[in-house]
Amino acid sequence: MKKLLCVLVTILLGACNTAGKLQSLHTTPENLRNLKLTNAGLTQVPFEVSKMENLEKLNLFRNKIDSVPPFLGNLNRLEELSFQSNRLLFVAPEIGSLKRLRKLNLRFNRLESVPNELSELSELVELDLRNNKLKRLPSDIGNLSKLEYLYLNDNDLEELPESMAKLKI
């Protein structure tokens, strides 16, 4: 079994008791790059995810998660992160530590704000914040020099930061 886990690159679990399935692995697949836990009824990100150091894509689409936990900031190789269609109210500032992150999808949640540390995602190309309750954006969002796609429709934005003028979108 351990040999098999060494070559496992993708795990797709949906519409099931996902947390129990992750715990039953007893070990973290060393080469796991892509984890998709969709429509699994999760109310929080399983802590086992924090041990998946080589993870590049994490998709938590259509669950009941209300916060992006701080431990995700330790996933240094993460390039794509999706929390689309959850119940997010809070994003931990540690998200700014994801220096390789290229795509961040927080669409269809309940966010009223996102942390200023979001502006530290220097490799971010796509940011999807549609269909939230955002009232403001980080003041330094214009520092996202590689940003090509920014989706903000269907929010409650009162004003846009001046730094957005620096964006090349």
Protein backbone atom coordinates (compact mmCIF):
# COMPACT_ATOMS: atom_id res chain seq x y z
CA MET A 1 0.00 0.00 0.00
CA LYS A 2 2.77 2.47 0.89
CA LYS A 3 4.44 1.93 -2.50
CA LEU A 4 1.17 2.74 -4.26
CA LEU A 5 0.82 5.99 -2.30
CA CYS A 6 4.26 7.12 -3.47
CA VAL A 7 3.11 7.30 -7.09
CA LEU A 8 -0.39 8.66 -6.44
CA VAL A 9 -0.64 12.10 -8.06
CA THR A 10 -4.37 12.90 -7.99
CA ILE A 11 -7.19 12.12 -5.56
CA LEU A 12 -10.77 12.97 -6.52
CA LEU A 13 -13.38 12.51 -3.81
CA GLY A 14 -16.85 13.90 -4.15
CA ALA A 15 -20.33 13.43 -2.73
CA CYS A 16 -19.05 11.24 0.11
CA ASN A 17 -17.68 11.37 3.65
CA THR A 18 -14.35 12.73 2.45
CA ALA A 19 -12.74 13.50 5.81
CA GLY A 20 -12.97 9.87 6.88
CA LYS A 21 -11.45 8.71 3.61
CA LEU A 22 -8.43 11.03 4.04
CA GLN A 23 -7.80 9.82 7.58
CA SER A 24 -7.98 6.20 6.45
CA LEU A 25 -4.96 6.68 4.15
CA HIS A 26 -2.75 6.53 7.30
CA THR A 27 0.00 8.28 5.38
CA THR A 28 0.23 11.28 3.14
CA PRO A 29 0.96 10.47 -0.48
CA GLU A 30 4.32 12.10 -1.06
CA ASN A 31 3.71 12.90 -4.72
CA LEU A 32 0.10 14.04 -4.42
CA ARG A 33 -0.29 17.09 -6.67
CA ASN A 34 -4.05 17.43 -7.17
CA LEU A 35 -6.76 17.02 -4.52
CA LYS A 36 -10.40 17.55 -5.41
CA LEU A 37 -12.90 17.31 -2.54
CA THR A 38 -16.12 18.47 -4.15
CA ASN A 39 -19.69 18.30 -2.90
CA ALA A 40 -18.51 16.30 0.11
CA GLY A 41 -20.43 18.10 2.87
CA LEU A 42 -17.23 19.38 4.47
CA THR A 43 -17.65 22.10 7.10
CA GLN A 44 -13.90 22.68 7.40
CA VAL A 45 -10.76 21.84 5.48
CA PRO A 46 -9.48 18.49 6.76
CA PHE A 47 -6.26 18.97 8.73
CA GLU A 48 -4.70 16.10 6.76
CA VAL A 49 -4.44 18.53 3.83
CA SER A 50 -1.79 20.50 5.78
CA LYS A 51 0.57 17.51 5.43
CA MET A 52 0.33 17.40 1.63
CA GLU A 53 3.47 19.46 1.01
CA ASN A 54 3.67 18.82 -2.76
CA LEU A 55 0.07 19.77 -3.47
CA GLU A 56 -0.29 22.06 -6.51
CA LYS A 57 -4.08 22.11 -6.95
CA LEU A 58 -6.71 22.05 -4.22
CA ASN A 59 -10.37 22.17 -5.20
CA LEU A 60 -12.97 22.35 -2.41
CA PHE A 61 -15.94 23.23 -4.64
CA ARG A 62 -19.48 23.09 -3.26
CA ASN A 63 -19.01 22.28 0.42
CA LYS A 64 -20.11 24.06 3.60
CA ILE A 65 -16.74 25.48 4.64
CA ASP A 66 -16.90 28.87 6.41
CA SER A 67 -13.20 29.79 6.60
CA VAL A 68 -9.89 29.40 4.79
CA PRO A 69 -7.66 28.06 7.58
CA PRO A 70 -4.19 29.43 8.39
CA PHE A 71 -2.48 26.07 7.77
CA LEU A 72 -3.11 26.36 4.03
CA GLY A 73 -0.44 29.08 4.02
CA ASN A 74 2.12 26.29 4.51
CA LEU A 75 1.35 24.63 1.17
CA ASN A 76 4.29 26.29 -0.59
CA ARG A 77 3.78 24.55 -3.94
CA LEU A 78 0.09 25.38 -4.30
CA GLU A 79 -0.69 26.98 -7.68
CA GLU A 80 -4.49 26.72 -7.81
CA LEU A 81 -6.96 27.01 -4.96
CA SER A 82 -10.74 26.90 -5.24
CA PHE A 83 -13.33 27.43 -2.52
CA GLN A 84 -16.12 28.13 -5.00
CA SER A 85 -19.67 27.68 -3.68
CA ASN A 86 -18.98 27.33 0.03
CA ARG A 87 -20.05 29.50 2.99
CA LEU A 88 -16.82 31.44 3.48
CA LEU A 89 -16.95 34.32 5.94
CA PHE A 90 -13.21 34.50 6.64
CA VAL A 91 -9.93 34.08 4.76
CA ALA A 92 -6.86 33.71 6.97
CA PRO A 93 -4.10 36.27 6.29
CA GLU A 94 -1.66 33.36 5.85
CA ILE A 95 -3.03 33.01 2.34
CA GLY A 96 -0.48 35.67 1.43
CA SER A 97 2.27 33.08 1.98
CA LEU A 98 1.23 31.11 -1.11
CA LYS A 99 3.94 32.60 -3.34
CA ARG A 100 3.31 30.18 -6.25
CA LEU A 101 -0.47 30.65 -6.33
CA ARG A 102 -1.65 31.53 -9.85
CA LYS A 103 -5.43 31.00 -9.58
CA LEU A 104 -7.64 31.76 -6.60
CA ASN A 105 -11.37 31.11 -6.80
CA LEU A 106 -13.49 32.40 -3.91
CA ARG A 107 -16.66 32.80 -5.99
CA PHE A 108 -20.14 32.24 -4.54
CA ASN A 109 -19.41 32.71 -0.84
CA ARG A 110 -20.37 35.18 1.91
CA LEU A 111 -17.17 37.21 2.15
CA GLU A 112 -17.48 40.87 3.14
CA SER A 113 -13.72 41.40 2.91
CA VAL A 114 -10.52 39.61 2.02
CA PRO A 115 -7.22 40.09 3.88
CA ASN A 116 -4.68 42.69 2.74
CA GLU A 117 -2.17 39.84 2.49
CA LEU A 118 -3.94 38.80 -0.71
CA SER A 119 -1.91 41.59 -2.33
CA GLU A 120 1.27 39.60 -1.61
CA LEU A 121 0.38 36.83 -4.10
CA SER A 122 3.01 37.91 -6.62
CA GLU A 123 2.32 35.09 -9.13
CA LEU A 124 -1.47 35.47 -9.13
CA VAL A 125 -2.89 35.57 -12.66
CA GLU A 126 -6.60 34.98 -11.94
CA LEU A 127 -8.67 36.13 -8.96
CA ASP A 128 -12.37 35.28 -8.87
CA LEU A 129 -14.34 37.06 -6.14
CA ARG A 130 -17.74 37.08 -7.88
CA ASN A 131 -20.97 36.66 -5.96
CA ASN A 132 -19.84 37.56 -2.46
CA LYS A 133 -20.76 40.47 -0.20
CA LEU A 134 -17.50 42.34 -0.57
CA LYS A 135 -17.62 45.96 0.56
CA ARG A 136 -13.95 46.69 -0.03
CA LEU A 137 -10.82 45.27 -1.58
CA PRO A 138 -7.28 45.27 -0.18
CA SER A 139 -5.77 48.74 -0.62
CA ASP A 140 -2.65 47.27 -2.26
CA ILE A 141 -4.44 45.03 -4.75
CA GLY A 142 -2.62 46.94 -7.49
CA ASN A 143 0.58 45.17 -6.41
CA LEU A 144 -0.65 42.03 -8.17
CA SER A 145 1.49 42.78 -11.22
CA LYS A 146 0.81 39.46 -13.00
CA LEU A 147 -2.96 39.62 -12.55
CA GLU A 148 -4.76 39.22 -15.90
CA TYR A 149 -8.26 38.25 -14.80
CA LEU A 150 -10.15 39.89 -11.93
CA TYR A 151 -13.81 39.01 -11.43
CA LEU A 152 -15.73 41.23 -9.03
CA ASN A 153 -19.35 41.21 -10.26
CA ASP A 154 -22.25 40.79 -7.87
CA ASN A 155 -20.66 42.26 -4.76
CA ASP A 156 -21.45 45.29 -2.59
CA LEU A 157 -18.29 47.26 -3.38
CA GLU A 158 -18.56 50.88 -2.25
CA GLU A 159 -15.31 52.03 -3.86
CA LEU A 160 -12.24 50.65 -5.57
CA PRO A 161 -8.70 51.18 -4.25
CA GLU A 162 -6.57 53.73 -6.13
CA SER A 163 -3.86 51.10 -6.56
CA MET A 164 -6.10 49.26 -9.06
CA ALA A 165 -4.96 51.80 -11.65
CA LYS A 166 -1.61 49.94 -11.67
CA LEU A 167 -3.22 46.68 -12.83
CA LYS A 168 -2.71 45.72 -16.46
CA ILE A 169 -6.11 44.11 -16.95
